[in-house]
Amino acid sequence: DLPRLLTGHRESFVLKGATGCSGREVVFGARTGAGDWARQVEQAVRTGYPVAQEVVVPDTTPVDVLLESGEIVRVAANPVVSPFCIGGVPAGCHARFAPAGPPGLVRVADGAVLTCLLGGA
C-alpha cells in the first residue's frame, strides 16, 4: 500500500536517505516528474534505504535579526530548531532559518542563516 500511496500523492511526500545530512539525499515528490518519482519509490522499496516523510508545511515565525550595522530587523522565517544535550544535560539549540516560502530544505548552503537562540524575558 505504501508505494501506491507515495506514487498516487507524490506532491505530499519526500524521500530522505536514512543517513543523509544537511538535506543531502532528499527528493521532493512535488519537484520530481511522475516517472522519475515512481522509479525513486521503487528503488526505495527494493533497497530499504530511504525513508518516506510527509511534507511538513512550515509555520511562518517572526524572527528578529541583528544586522552587522547594529540594526535589528524582523523577518518572516521558516526556522528549524534542533535542541541538543551534552552528557544527557540540555545544552542549547542549534537553529537555522531562511525567509518564509514554500516547503523545502533550510540549508546554510542555500543561504539560510545559522544562528543561536536567545530567550526574551
PDB file of N, CA and C in Angstrom:
ATOM      1  N   ASP A   1       0.809  -1.206   0.000  1.00  0.00           N
ATOM      2  CA  ASP A   1       0.000   0.000   0.000  1.00  0.00           C
ATOM      3  C   ASP A   1       0.853   1.272   0.000  1.00  0.00           C
ATOM      4  N   LEU A   2       2.014   1.232   0.675  1.00  0.00           N
ATOM      5  CA  LEU A   2       2.854   2.428   0.765  1.00  0.00           C
ATOM      6  C   LEU A   2       3.340   2.908  -0.605  1.00  0.00           C
ATOM      7  N   PRO A   3       3.863   2.037  -1.467  1.00  0.00           N
ATOM      8  CA  PRO A   3       4.286   2.527  -2.784  1.00  0.00           C
ATOM      9  C   PRO A   3       3.133   3.181  -3.553  1.00  0.00           C
ATOM     10  N   ARG A   4       1.949   2.615  -3.466  1.00  0.00           N
ATOM     11  CA  ARG A   4       0.791   3.189  -4.154  1.00  0.00           C
ATOM     12  C   ARG A   4       0.443   4.564  -3.567  1.00  0.00           C
ATOM     13  N   LEU A   5       0.504   4.688  -2.245  1.00  0.00           N
ATOM     14  CA  LEU A   5       0.244   5.977  -1.600  1.00  0.00           C
ATOM     15  C   LEU A   5       1.276   7.014  -2.047  1.00  0.00           C
ATOM     16  N   LEU A   6       2.551   6.634  -2.047  1.00  0.00           N
ATOM     17  CA  LEU A   6       3.612   7.574  -2.410  1.00  0.00           C
ATOM     18  C   LEU A   6       3.525   8.012  -3.868  1.00  0.00           C
ATOM     19  N   THR A   7       3.235   7.077  -4.771  1.00  0.00           N
ATOM     20  CA  THR A   7       3.157   7.453  -6.182  1.00  0.00           C
ATOM     21  C   THR A   7       1.853   8.166  -6.505  1.00  0.00           C
ATOM     22  N   GLY A   8       0.784   7.845  -5.797  1.00  0.00           N
ATOM     23  CA  GLY A   8      -0.504   8.494  -6.057  1.00  0.00           C
ATOM     24  C   GLY A   8      -0.619   9.891  -5.487  1.00  0.00           C
ATOM     25  N   HIS A   9       0.226  10.208  -4.506  1.00  0.00           N
ATOM     26  CA  HIS A   9       0.175  11.523  -3.847  1.00  0.00           C
ATOM     27  C   HIS A   9       1.588  12.076  -3.704  1.00  0.00           C
ATOM     28  N   ARG A  10       2.364  12.024  -4.784  1.00  0.00           N
ATOM     29  CA  ARG A  10       3.783  12.384  -4.706  1.00  0.00           C
ATOM     30  C   ARG A  10       4.015  13.801  -4.204  1.00  0.00           C
ATOM     31  N   GLU A  11       3.080  14.738  -4.472  1.00  0.00           N
ATOM     32  CA  GLU A  11       3.262  16.131  -4.038  1.00  0.00           C
ATOM     33  C   GLU A  11       3.237  16.268  -2.515  1.00  0.00           C
ATOM     34  N   SER A  12       2.788  15.227  -1.826  1.00  0.00           N
ATOM     35  CA  SER A  12       2.675  15.278  -0.360  1.00  0.00           C
ATOM     36  C   SER A  12       3.838  14.614   0.373  1.00  0.00           C
ATOM     37  N   PHE A  13       4.819  14.077  -0.393  1.00  0.00           N
ATOM     38  CA  PHE A  13       5.870  13.296   0.258  1.00  0.00           C
ATOM     39  C   PHE A  13       7.268  13.661  -0.216  1.00  0.00           C
ATOM     40  N   VAL A  14       8.232  13.337   0.651  1.00  0.00           N
ATOM     41  CA  VAL A  14       9.650  13.390   0.307  1.00  0.00           C
ATOM     42  C   VAL A  14      10.248  12.027   0.629  1.00  0.00           C
ATOM     43  N   LEU A  15      11.305  11.682  -0.067  1.00  0.00           N
ATOM     44  CA  LEU A  15      12.126  10.523   0.276  1.00  0.00           C
ATOM     45  C   LEU A  15      13.447  11.075   0.795  1.00  0.00           C
ATOM     46  N   LYS A  16      13.900  10.533   1.926  1.00  0.00           N
ATOM     47  CA  LYS A  16      15.132  11.003   2.553  1.00  0.00           C
ATOM     48  C   LYS A  16      16.047   9.820   2.795  1.00  0.00           C
ATOM     49  N   GLY A  17      17.304   9.987   2.403  1.00  0.00           N
ATOM     50  CA  GLY A  17      18.284   8.950   2.690  1.00  0.00           C
ATOM     51  C   GLY A  17      18.404   8.754   4.191  1.00  0.00           C
ATOM     52  N   ALA A  18      18.467   7.513   4.620  1.00  0.00           N
ATOM     53  CA  ALA A  18      18.496   7.205   6.050  1.00  0.00           C
ATOM     54  C   ALA A  18      19.699   7.810   6.764  1.00  0.00           C
ATOM     55  N   THR A  19      20.804   8.016   6.051  1.00  0.00           N
ATOM     56  CA  THR A  19      21.987   8.593   6.694  1.00  0.00           C
ATOM     57  C   THR A  19      22.360   9.945   6.096  1.00  0.00           C
ATOM     58  N   GLY A  20      21.458  10.537   5.324  1.00  0.00           N
ATOM     59  CA  GLY A  20      21.726  11.843   4.716  1.00  0.00           C
ATOM     60  C   GLY A  20      21.876  12.913   5.789  1.00  0.00           C
ATOM     61  N   CYS A  21      22.569  13.961   5.457  1.00  0.00           N
ATOM     62  CA  CYS A  21      22.816  15.052   6.397  1.00  0.00           C
ATOM     63  C   CYS A  21      22.719  16.367   5.647  1.00  0.00           C
ATOM     64  N   SER A  22      22.185  17.377   6.307  1.00  0.00           N
ATOM     65  CA  SER A  22      22.090  18.719   5.732  1.00  0.00           C
ATOM     66  C   SER A  22      21.308  18.739   4.424  1.00  0.00           C
ATOM     67  N   GLY A  23      20.274  17.928   4.363  1.00  0.00           N
ATOM     68  CA  GLY A  23      19.425  17.934   3.181  1.00  0.00           C
ATOM     69  C   GLY A  23      19.946  17.130   2.022  1.00  0.00           C
ATOM     70  N   ARG A  24      21.084  16.462   2.182  1.00  0.00           N
ATOM     71  CA  ARG A  24      21.562  15.598   1.110  1.00  0.00           C
ATOM     72  C   ARG A  24      20.634  14.397   1.022  1.00  0.00           C
ATOM     73  N   GLU A  25      20.487  13.861  -0.142  1.00  0.00           N
ATOM     74  CA  GLU A  25      19.686  12.668  -0.369  1.00  0.00           C
ATOM     75  C   GLU A  25      18.196  12.891  -0.112  1.00  0.00           C
ATOM     76  N   VAL A  26      17.702  14.110  -0.314  1.00  0.00           N
ATOM     77  CA  VAL A  26      16.281  14.401  -0.152  1.00  0.00           C
ATOM     78  C   VAL A  26      15.684  14.644  -1.531  1.00  0.00           C
ATOM     79  N   VAL A  27      14.581  13.962  -1.813  1.00  0.00           N
ATOM     80  CA  VAL A  27      13.884  14.105  -3.083  1.00  0.00           C
ATOM     81  C   VAL A  27      12.443  14.488  -2.782  1.00  0.00           C
ATOM     82  N   PHE A  28      12.025  15.663  -3.262  1.00  0.00           N
ATOM     83  CA  PHE A  28      10.646  16.126  -3.088  1.00  0.00           C
ATOM     84  C   PHE A  28       9.797  15.594  -4.231  1.00  0.00           C
ATOM     85  N   GLY A  29       8.727  14.891  -3.904  1.00  0.00           N
ATOM     86  CA  GLY A  29       7.829  14.384  -4.924  1.00  0.00           C
ATOM     87  C   GLY A  29       7.240  15.485  -5.782  1.00  0.00           C
ATOM     88  N   ALA A  30       6.912  16.617  -5.173  1.00  0.00           N
ATOM     89  CA  ALA A  30       6.308  17.729  -5.907  1.00  0.00           C
ATOM     90  C   ALA A  30       7.261  18.348  -6.915  1.00  0.00           C
ATOM     91  N   ARG A  31       8.555  18.130  -6.743  1.00  0.00           N
ATOM     92  CA  ARG A  31       9.556  18.717  -7.644  1.00  0.00           C
ATOM     93  C   ARG A  31      10.184  17.669  -8.562  1.00  0.00           C
ATOM     94  N   THR A  32       9.579  16.489  -8.595  1.00  0.00           N
ATOM     95  CA  THR A  32      10.111  15.387  -9.377  1.00  0.00           C
ATOM     96  C   THR A  32       9.028  14.907 -10.335  1.00  0.00           C
ATOM     97  N   GLY A  33       9.394  14.659 -11.571  1.00  0.00           N
ATOM     98  CA  GLY A  33       8.436  14.139 -12.544  1.00  0.00           C
ATOM     99  C   GLY A  33       7.850  12.810 -12.087  1.00  0.00           C
ATOM    100  N   ALA A  34       6.627  12.517 -12.529  1.00  0.00           N
ATOM    101  CA  ALA A  34       5.924  11.317 -12.082  1.00  0.00           C
ATOM    102  C   ALA A  34       6.717  10.041 -12.359  1.00  0.00           C
ATOM    103  N   GLY A  35       7.316   9.920 -13.541  1.00  0.00           N
ATOM    104  CA  GLY A  35       8.077   8.719 -13.878  1.00  0.00           C
ATOM    105  C   GLY A  35       9.314   8.563 -13.021  1.00  0.00           C
ATOM    106  N   ASP A  36      10.063   9.661 -12.833  1.00  0.00           N
ATOM    107  CA  ASP A  36      11.270   9.606 -12.009  1.00  0.00           C
ATOM    108  C   ASP A  36      10.900   9.307 -10.557  1.00  0.00           C
ATOM    109  N   TRP A  37       9.819   9.919 -10.075  1.00  0.00           N
ATOM    110  CA  TRP A  37       9.365   9.675  -8.698  1.00  0.00           C
ATOM    111  C   TRP A  37       9.012   8.194  -8.512  1.00  0.00           C
ATOM    112  N   ALA A  38       8.288   7.622  -9.473  1.00  0.00           N
ATOM    113  CA  ALA A  38       7.920   6.202  -9.383  1.00  0.00           C
ATOM    114  C   ALA A  38       9.170   5.328  -9.314  1.00  0.00           C
ATOM    115  N   ARG A  39      10.207   5.672 -10.093  1.00  0.00           N
ATOM    116  CA  ARG A  39      11.470   4.931 -10.048  1.00  0.00           C
ATOM    117  C   ARG A  39      12.144   5.092  -8.681  1.00  0.00           C
ATOM    118  N   GLN A  40      12.106   6.291  -8.140  1.00  0.00           N
ATOM    119  CA  GLN A  40      12.709   6.536  -6.816  1.00  0.00           C
ATOM    120  C   GLN A  40      11.991   5.712  -5.745  1.00  0.00           C
ATOM    121  N   VAL A  41      10.663   5.673  -5.814  1.00  0.00           N
ATOM    122  CA  VAL A  41       9.878   4.905  -4.841  1.00  0.00           C
ATOM    123  C   VAL A  41      10.190   3.415  -4.983  1.00  0.00           C
ATOM    124  N   GLU A  42      10.239   2.923  -6.207  1.00  0.00           N
ATOM    125  CA  GLU A  42      10.542   1.503  -6.444  1.00  0.00           C
ATOM    126  C   GLU A  42      11.915   1.151  -5.876  1.00  0.00           C
ATOM    127  N   GLN A  43      12.892   2.022  -6.108  1.00  0.00           N
ATOM    128  CA  GLN A  43      14.240   1.785  -5.579  1.00  0.00           C
ATOM    129  C   GLN A  43      14.232   1.818  -4.052  1.00  0.00           C
ATOM    130  N   ALA A  44      13.468   2.732  -3.467  1.00  0.00           N
ATOM    131  CA  ALA A  44      13.390   2.826  -2.011  1.00  0.00           C
ATOM    132  C   ALA A  44      12.807   1.548  -1.413  1.00  0.00           C
ATOM    133  N   VAL A  45      11.758   1.026  -2.035  1.00  0.00           N
ATOM    134  CA  VAL A  45      11.145  -0.207  -1.559  1.00  0.00           C
ATOM    135  C   VAL A  45      12.122  -1.372  -1.713  1.00  0.00           C
ATOM    136  N   ARG A  46      12.811  -1.410  -2.821  1.00  0.00           N
ATOM    137  CA  ARG A  46      13.749  -2.507  -3.101  1.00  0.00           C
ATOM    138  C   ARG A  46      14.933  -2.501  -2.142  1.00  0.00           C
ATOM    139  N   THR A  47      15.513  -1.314  -1.875  1.00  0.00           N
ATOM    140  CA  THR A  47      16.729  -1.231  -1.059  1.00  0.00           C
ATOM    141  C   THR A  47      16.449  -1.051   0.427  1.00  0.00           C
ATOM    142  N   GLY A  48      15.299  -0.452   0.754  1.00  0.00           N
ATOM    143  CA  GLY A  48      15.007  -0.169   2.160  1.00  0.00           C
ATOM    144  C   GLY A  48      15.840   0.951   2.739  1.00  0.00           C
ATOM    145  N   TYR A  49      16.582   1.666   1.898  1.00  0.00           N
ATOM    146  CA  TYR A  49      17.479   2.717   2.397  1.00  0.00           C
ATOM    147  C   TYR A  49      16.750   4.023   2.722  1.00  0.00           C
ATOM    148  N   PRO A  50      16.016   4.624   1.785  1.00  0.00           N
ATOM    149  CA  PRO A  50      15.369   5.894   2.130  1.00  0.00           C
ATOM    150  C   PRO A  50      14.166   5.682   3.037  1.00  0.00           C
ATOM    151  N   VAL A  51      13.812   6.734   3.726  1.00  0.00           N
ATOM    152  CA  VAL A  51      12.562   6.778   4.478  1.00  0.00           C
ATOM    153  C   VAL A  51      11.641   7.762   3.774  1.00  0.00           C
ATOM    154  N   ALA A  52      10.344   7.538   3.885  1.00  0.00           N
ATOM    155  CA  ALA A  52       9.356   8.446   3.317  1.00  0.00           C
ATOM    156  C   ALA A  52       8.841   9.334   4.437  1.00  0.00           C
ATOM    157  N   GLN A  53       8.649  10.590   4.115  1.00  0.00           N
ATOM    158  CA  GLN A  53       8.124  11.539   5.095  1.00  0.00           C
ATOM    159  C   GLN A  53       7.096  12.408   4.415  1.00  0.00           C
ATOM    160  N   GLU A  54       6.016  12.673   5.116  1.00  0.00           N
ATOM    161  CA  GLU A  54       5.031  13.612   4.606  1.00  0.00           C
ATOM    162  C   GLU A  54       5.653  15.005   4.614  1.00  0.00           C
ATOM    163  N   VAL A  55       5.368  15.786   3.588  1.00  0.00           N
ATOM    164  CA  VAL A  55       5.881  17.156   3.527  1.00  0.00           C
ATOM    165  C   VAL A  55       5.318  17.942   4.712  1.00  0.00           C
ATOM    166  N   VAL A  56       6.187  18.654   5.389  1.00  0.00           N
ATOM    167  CA  VAL A  56       5.779  19.481   6.523  1.00  0.00           C
ATOM    168  C   VAL A  56       5.756  20.925   6.046  1.00  0.00           C
ATOM    169  N   VAL A  57       4.577  21.534   6.077  1.00  0.00           N
ATOM    170  CA  VAL A  57       4.462  22.938   5.702  1.00  0.00           C
ATOM    171  C   VAL A  57       4.914  23.759   6.903  1.00  0.00           C
ATOM    172  N   PRO A  58       5.948  24.568   6.736  1.00  0.00           N
ATOM    173  CA  PRO A  58       6.498  25.286   7.885  1.00  0.00           C
ATOM    174  C   PRO A  58       5.562  26.382   8.381  1.00  0.00           C
ATOM    175  N   ASP A  59       5.565  26.574   9.695  1.00  0.00           N
ATOM    176  CA  ASP A  59       4.886  27.720  10.282  1.00  0.00           C
ATOM    177  C   ASP A  59       5.790  28.925  10.093  1.00  0.00           C
ATOM    178  N   THR A  60       5.216  30.011   9.608  1.00  0.00           N
ATOM    179  CA  THR A  60       5.990  31.240   9.479  1.00  0.00           C
ATOM    180  C   THR A  60       6.099  31.873  10.865  1.00  0.00           C
ATOM    181  N   THR A  61       7.313  32.220  11.226  1.00  0.00           N
ATOM    182  CA  THR A  61       7.594  32.767  12.543  1.00  0.00           C
ATOM    183  C   THR A  61       8.356  34.081  12.394  1.00  0.00           C
ATOM    184  N   PRO A  62       7.945  35.132  13.130  1.00  0.00           N
ATOM    185  CA  PRO A  62       8.739  36.358  13.077  1.00  0.00           C
ATOM    186  C   PRO A  62      10.066  36.151  13.819  1.00  0.00           C
ATOM    187  N   VAL A  63      11.153  36.534  13.189  1.00  0.00           N
ATOM    188  CA  VAL A  63      12.485  36.392  13.775  1.00  0.00           C
ATOM    189  C   VAL A  63      13.170  37.748  13.727  1.00  0.00           C
ATOM    190  N   ASP A  64      13.690  38.191  14.877  1.00  0.00           N
ATOM    191  CA  ASP A  64      14.456  39.432  14.932  1.00  0.00           C
ATOM    192  C   ASP A  64      15.905  39.125  14.609  1.00  0.00           C
ATOM    193  N   VAL A  65      16.451  39.850  13.648  1.00  0.00           N
ATOM    194  CA  VAL A  65      17.814  39.614  13.180  1.00  0.00           C
ATOM    195  C   VAL A  65      18.654  40.846  13.477  1.00  0.00           C
ATOM    196  N   LEU A  66      19.794  40.646  14.137  1.00  0.00           N
ATOM    197  CA  LEU A  66      20.739  41.731  14.407  1.00  0.00           C
ATOM    198  C   LEU A  66      21.689  41.824  13.231  1.00  0.00           C
ATOM    199  N   LEU A  67      21.603  42.931  12.498  1.00  0.00           N
ATOM    200  CA  LEU A  67      22.466  43.136  11.339  1.00  0.00           C
ATOM    201  C   LEU A  67      23.842  43.603  11.781  1.00  0.00           C
ATOM    202  N   GLU A  68      24.807  43.481  10.912  1.00  0.00           N
ATOM    203  CA  GLU A  68      26.166  43.917  11.208  1.00  0.00           C
ATOM    204  C   GLU A  68      26.216  45.395  11.580  1.00  0.00           C
ATOM    205  N   SER A  69      25.291  46.197  11.031  1.00  0.00           N
ATOM    206  CA  SER A  69      25.226  47.630  11.320  1.00  0.00           C
ATOM    207  C   SER A  69      24.712  47.928  12.713  1.00  0.00           C
ATOM    208  N   GLY A  70      24.188  46.919  13.407  1.00  0.00           N
ATOM    209  CA  GLY A  70      23.610  47.120  14.734  1.00  0.00           C
ATOM    210  C   GLY A  70      22.097  47.257  14.700  1.00  0.00           C
ATOM    211  N   GLU A  71      21.540  47.374  13.517  1.00  0.00           N
ATOM    212  CA  GLU A  71      20.090  47.490  13.367  1.00  0.00           C
ATOM    213  C   GLU A  71      19.443  46.112  13.558  1.00  0.00           C
ATOM    214  N   ILE A  72      18.283  46.112  14.177  1.00  0.00           N
ATOM    215  CA  ILE A  72      17.519  44.884  14.339  1.00  0.00           C
ATOM    216  C   ILE A  72      16.323  44.957  13.399  1.00  0.00           C
ATOM    217  N   VAL A  73      16.179  43.941  12.567  1.00  0.00           N
ATOM    218  CA  VAL A  73      15.050  43.884  11.645  1.00  0.00           C
ATOM    219  C   VAL A  73      14.274  42.597  11.915  1.00  0.00           C
ATOM    220  N   ARG A  74      12.976  42.672  11.718  1.00  0.00           N
ATOM    221  CA  ARG A  74      12.120  41.492  11.883  1.00  0.00           C
ATOM    222  C   ARG A  74      11.812  40.925  10.506  1.00  0.00           C
ATOM    223  N   VAL A  75      12.028  39.617  10.344  1.00  0.00           N
ATOM    224  CA  VAL A  75      11.737  38.948   9.080  1.00  0.00           C
ATOM    225  C   VAL A  75      10.783  37.785   9.342  1.00  0.00           C
ATOM    226  N   ALA A  76       9.982  37.451   8.341  1.00  0.00           N
ATOM    227  CA  ALA A  76       9.160  36.244   8.407  1.00  0.00           C
ATOM    228  C   ALA A  76      10.053  35.093   7.983  1.00  0.00           C
ATOM    229  N   ALA A  77      10.154  34.076   8.813  1.00  0.00           N
ATOM    230  CA  ALA A  77      11.102  32.999   8.563  1.00  0.00           C
ATOM    231  C   ALA A  77      10.451  31.638   8.762  1.00  0.00           C
ATOM    232  N   ASN A  78      11.127  30.623   8.260  1.00  0.00           N
ATOM    233  CA  ASN A  78      10.728  29.225   8.487  1.00  0.00           C
ATOM    234  C   ASN A  78      11.857  28.534   9.252  1.00  0.00           C
ATOM    235  N   PRO A  79      11.925  28.752  10.568  1.00  0.00           N
ATOM    236  CA  PRO A  79      13.061  28.249  11.337  1.00  0.00           C
ATOM    237  C   PRO A  79      13.032  26.745  11.544  1.00  0.00           C
ATOM    238  N   VAL A  80      14.242  26.187  11.661  1.00  0.00           N
ATOM    239  CA  VAL A  80      14.442  24.801  12.065  1.00  0.00           C
ATOM    240  C   VAL A  80      15.235  24.881  13.363  1.00  0.00           C
ATOM    241  N   VAL A  81      14.653  24.371  14.439  1.00  0.00           N
ATOM    242  CA  VAL A  81      15.285  24.433  15.753  1.00  0.00           C
ATOM    243  C   VAL A  81      15.632  23.018  16.188  1.00  0.00           C
ATOM    244  N   SER A  82      16.889  22.823  16.563  1.00  0.00           N
ATOM    245  CA  SER A  82      17.370  21.496  16.932  1.00  0.00           C
ATOM    246  C   SER A  82      18.015  21.546  18.320  1.00  0.00           C
ATOM    247  N   PRO A  83      17.235  21.253  19.371  1.00  0.00           N
ATOM    248  CA  PRO A  83      17.821  21.223  20.716  1.00  0.00           C
ATOM    249  C   PRO A  83      18.831  20.076  20.818  1.00  0.00           C
ATOM    250  N   PHE A  84      19.818  20.243  21.681  1.00  0.00           N
ATOM    251  CA  PHE A  84      20.798  19.177  21.862  1.00  0.00           C
ATOM    252  C   PHE A  84      21.222  19.078  23.319  1.00  0.00           C
ATOM    253  N   CYS A  85      21.739  17.909  23.671  1.00  0.00           N
ATOM    254  CA  CYS A  85      22.218  17.637  25.024  1.00  0.00           C
ATOM    255  C   CYS A  85      23.683  17.253  24.966  1.00  0.00           C
ATOM    256  N   ILE A  86      24.382  17.536  26.050  1.00  0.00           N
ATOM    257  CA  ILE A  86      25.762  17.090  26.213  1.00  0.00           C
ATOM    258  C   ILE A  86      25.806  16.328  27.530  1.00  0.00           C
ATOM    259  N   GLY A  87      26.205  15.089  27.464  1.00  0.00           N
ATOM    260  CA  GLY A  87      26.233  14.259  28.663  1.00  0.00           C
ATOM    261  C   GLY A  87      24.861  14.103  29.294  1.00  0.00           C
ATOM    262  N   GLY A  88      23.816  14.095  28.478  1.00  0.00           N
ATOM    263  CA  GLY A  88      22.456  13.933  28.979  1.00  0.00           C
ATOM    264  C   GLY A  88      21.834  15.188  29.563  1.00  0.00           C
ATOM    265  N   VAL A  89      22.535  16.313  29.460  1.00  0.00           N
ATOM    266  CA  VAL A  89      22.036  17.574  30.014  1.00  0.00           C
ATOM    267  C   VAL A  89      21.702  18.533  28.878  1.00  0.00           C
ATOM    268  N   PRO A  90      20.490  19.133  28.893  1.00  0.00           N
ATOM    269  CA  PRO A  90      20.178  20.109  27.840  1.00  0.00           C
ATOM    270  C   PRO A  90      21.245  21.197  27.795  1.00  0.00           C
ATOM    271  N   ALA A  91      21.759  21.463  26.573  1.00  0.00           N
ATOM    272  CA  ALA A  91      22.883  22.387  26.455  1.00  0.00           C
ATOM    273  C   ALA A  91      22.617  23.549  25.503  1.00  0.00           C
ATOM    274  N   GLY A  92      21.529  23.531  24.775  1.00  0.00           N
ATOM    275  CA  GLY A  92      21.253  24.649  23.883  1.00  0.00           C
ATOM    276  C   GLY A  92      20.473  24.221  22.665  1.00  0.00           C
ATOM    277  N   CYS A  93      20.394  25.131  21.725  1.00  0.00           N
ATOM    278  CA  CYS A  93      19.675  24.861  20.487  1.00  0.00           C
ATOM    279  C   CYS A  93      20.491  25.365  19.301  1.00  0.00           C
ATOM    280  N   HIS A  94      20.625  24.517  18.329  1.00  0.00           N
ATOM    281  CA  HIS A  94      21.192  24.892  17.038  1.00  0.00           C
ATOM    282  C   HIS A  94      19.995  25.335  16.214  1.00  0.00           C
ATOM    283  N   ALA A  95      20.092  26.439  15.536  1.00  0.00           N
ATOM    284  CA  ALA A  95      18.953  26.923  14.750  1.00  0.00           C
ATOM    285  C   ALA A  95      19.438  27.444  13.408  1.00  0.00           C
ATOM    286  N   ARG A  96      18.543  27.355  12.437  1.00  0.00           N
ATOM    287  CA  ARG A  96      18.809  27.956  11.138  1.00  0.00           C
ATOM    288  C   ARG A  96      17.465  28.383  10.582  1.00  0.00           C
ATOM    289  N   PHE A  97      17.493  29.406   9.742  1.00  0.00           N
ATOM    290  CA  PHE A  97      16.249  29.866   9.149  1.00  0.00           C
ATOM    291  C   PHE A  97      16.520  30.512   7.810  1.00  0.00           C
ATOM    292  N   ALA A  98      15.484  30.536   7.013  1.00  0.00           N
ATOM    293  CA  ALA A  98      15.505  31.210   5.724  1.00  0.00           C
ATOM    294  C   ALA A  98      14.213  32.014   5.646  1.00  0.00           C
ATOM    295  N   PRO A  99      14.176  33.004   4.770  1.00  0.00           N
ATOM    296  CA  PRO A  99      12.903  33.718   4.602  1.00  0.00           C
ATOM    297  C   PRO A  99      11.793  32.725   4.273  1.00  0.00           C
ATOM    298  N   ALA A 100      10.610  32.970   4.836  1.00  0.00           N
ATOM    299  CA  ALA A 100       9.490  32.050   4.660  1.00  0.00           C
ATOM    300  C   ALA A 100       9.177  31.852   3.187  1.00  0.00           C
ATOM    301  N   GLY A 101       8.817  30.653   2.859  1.00  0.00           N
ATOM    302  CA  GLY A 101       8.480  30.307   1.490  1.00  0.00           C
ATOM    303  C   GLY A 101       7.819  28.955   1.470  1.00  0.00           C
ATOM    304  N   PRO A 102       7.764  28.331   0.320  1.00  0.00           N
ATOM    305  CA  PRO A 102       7.142  27.014   0.240  1.00  0.00           C
ATOM    306  C   PRO A 102       8.000  25.969   0.948  1.00  0.00           C
ATOM    307  N   PRO A 103       7.431  24.791   1.231  1.00  0.00           N
ATOM    308  CA  PRO A 103       8.227  23.745   1.874  1.00  0.00           C
ATOM    309  C   PRO A 103       9.482  23.445   1.065  1.00  0.00           C
ATOM    310  N   GLY A 104      10.567  23.234   1.763  1.00  0.00           N
ATOM    311  CA  GLY A 104      11.833  22.929   1.119  1.00  0.00           C
ATOM    312  C   GLY A 104      12.922  22.789   2.155  1.00  0.00           C
ATOM    313  N   LEU A 105      14.123  22.592   1.691  1.00  0.00           N
ATOM    314  CA  LEU A 105      15.258  22.452   2.589  1.00  0.00           C
ATOM    315  C   LEU A 105      15.645  23.809   3.147  1.00  0.00           C
ATOM    316  N   VAL A 106      16.019  23.827   4.413  1.00  0.00           N
ATOM    317  CA  VAL A 106      16.532  25.040   5.056  1.00  0.00           C
ATOM    318  C   VAL A 106      17.997  24.754   5.355  1.00  0.00           C
ATOM    319  N   ARG A 107      18.848  25.127   4.372  1.00  0.00           N
ATOM    320  CA  ARG A 107      20.274  24.804   4.465  1.00  0.00           C
ATOM    321  C   ARG A 107      21.120  26.052   4.346  1.00  0.00           C
ATOM    322  N   VAL A 108      22.183  26.105   5.107  1.00  0.00           N
ATOM    323  CA  VAL A 108      23.133  27.206   5.016  1.00  0.00           C
ATOM    324  C   VAL A 108      23.701  27.280   3.606  1.00  0.00           C
ATOM    325  N   ALA A 109      23.929  26.128   2.993  1.00  0.00           N
ATOM    326  CA  ALA A 109      24.470  26.093   1.631  1.00  0.00           C
ATOM    327  C   ALA A 109      23.557  26.802   0.633  1.00  0.00           C
ATOM    328  N   ASP A 110      22.265  26.902   0.972  1.00  0.00           N
ATOM    329  CA  ASP A 110      21.306  27.577   0.097  1.00  0.00           C
ATOM    330  C   ASP A 110      20.949  28.971   0.588  1.00  0.00           C
ATOM    331  N   GLY A 111      21.725  29.504   1.542  1.00  0.00           N
ATOM    332  CA  GLY A 111      21.503  30.868   2.000  1.00  0.00           C
ATOM    333  C   GLY A 111      20.807  31.005   3.342  1.00  0.00           C
ATOM    334  N   ALA A 112      20.475  29.891   3.994  1.00  0.00           N
ATOM    335  CA  ALA A 112      19.839  30.003   5.312  1.00  0.00           C
ATOM    336  C   ALA A 112      20.862  30.561   6.302  1.00  0.00           C
ATOM    337  N   VAL A 113      20.351  31.212   7.325  1.00  0.00           N
ATOM    338  CA  VAL A 113      21.189  31.809   8.368  1.00  0.00           C
ATOM    339  C   VAL A 113      21.345  30.814   9.498  1.00  0.00           C
ATOM    340  N   LEU A 114      22.580  30.566   9.921  1.00  0.00           N
ATOM    341  CA  LEU A 114      22.887  29.706  11.048  1.00  0.00           C
ATOM    342  C   LEU A 114      22.989  30.615  12.266  1.00  0.00           C
ATOM    343  N   THR A 115      22.337  30.255  13.362  1.00  0.00           N
ATOM    344  CA  THR A 115      22.274  31.160  14.490  1.00  0.00           C
ATOM    345  C   THR A 115      22.128  30.409  15.801  1.00  0.00           C
ATOM    346  N   CYS A 116      22.038  31.154  16.888  1.00  0.00           N
ATOM    347  CA  CYS A 116      21.706  30.597  18.186  1.00  0.00           C
ATOM    348  C   CYS A 116      20.389  31.233  18.623  1.00  0.00           C
ATOM    349  N   LEU A 117      19.773  30.698  19.648  1.00  0.00           N
ATOM    350  CA  LEU A 117      18.505  31.232  20.114  1.00  0.00           C
ATOM    351  C   LEU A 117      18.707  32.037  21.378  1.00  0.00           C
ATOM    352  N   LEU A 118      18.042  33.170  21.446  1.00  0.00           N
ATOM    353  CA  LEU A 118      18.050  33.987  22.653  1.00  0.00           C
ATOM    354  C   LEU A 118      16.621  34.092  23.162  1.00  0.00           C
ATOM    355  N   GLY A 119      16.423  33.865  24.427  1.00  0.00           N
ATOM    356  CA  GLY A 119      15.083  33.956  25.006  1.00  0.00           C
ATOM    357  C   GLY A 119      14.832  35.358  25.534  1.00  0.00           C
ATOM    358  N   GLY A 120      13.606  35.796  25.398  1.00  0.00           N
ATOM    359  CA  GLY A 120      13.227  37.106  25.932  1.00  0.00           C
ATOM    360  C   GLY A 120      12.533  36.936  27.276  1.00  0.00           C
ATOM    361  N   ALA A 121      12.736  37.881  28.161  1.00  0.00           N
ATOM    362  CA  ALA A 121      12.107  37.804  29.488  1.00  0.00           C
ATOM    363  C   ALA A 121      10.887  38.695  29.537  1.00  0.00           C
TER     364      ALA A 121
END
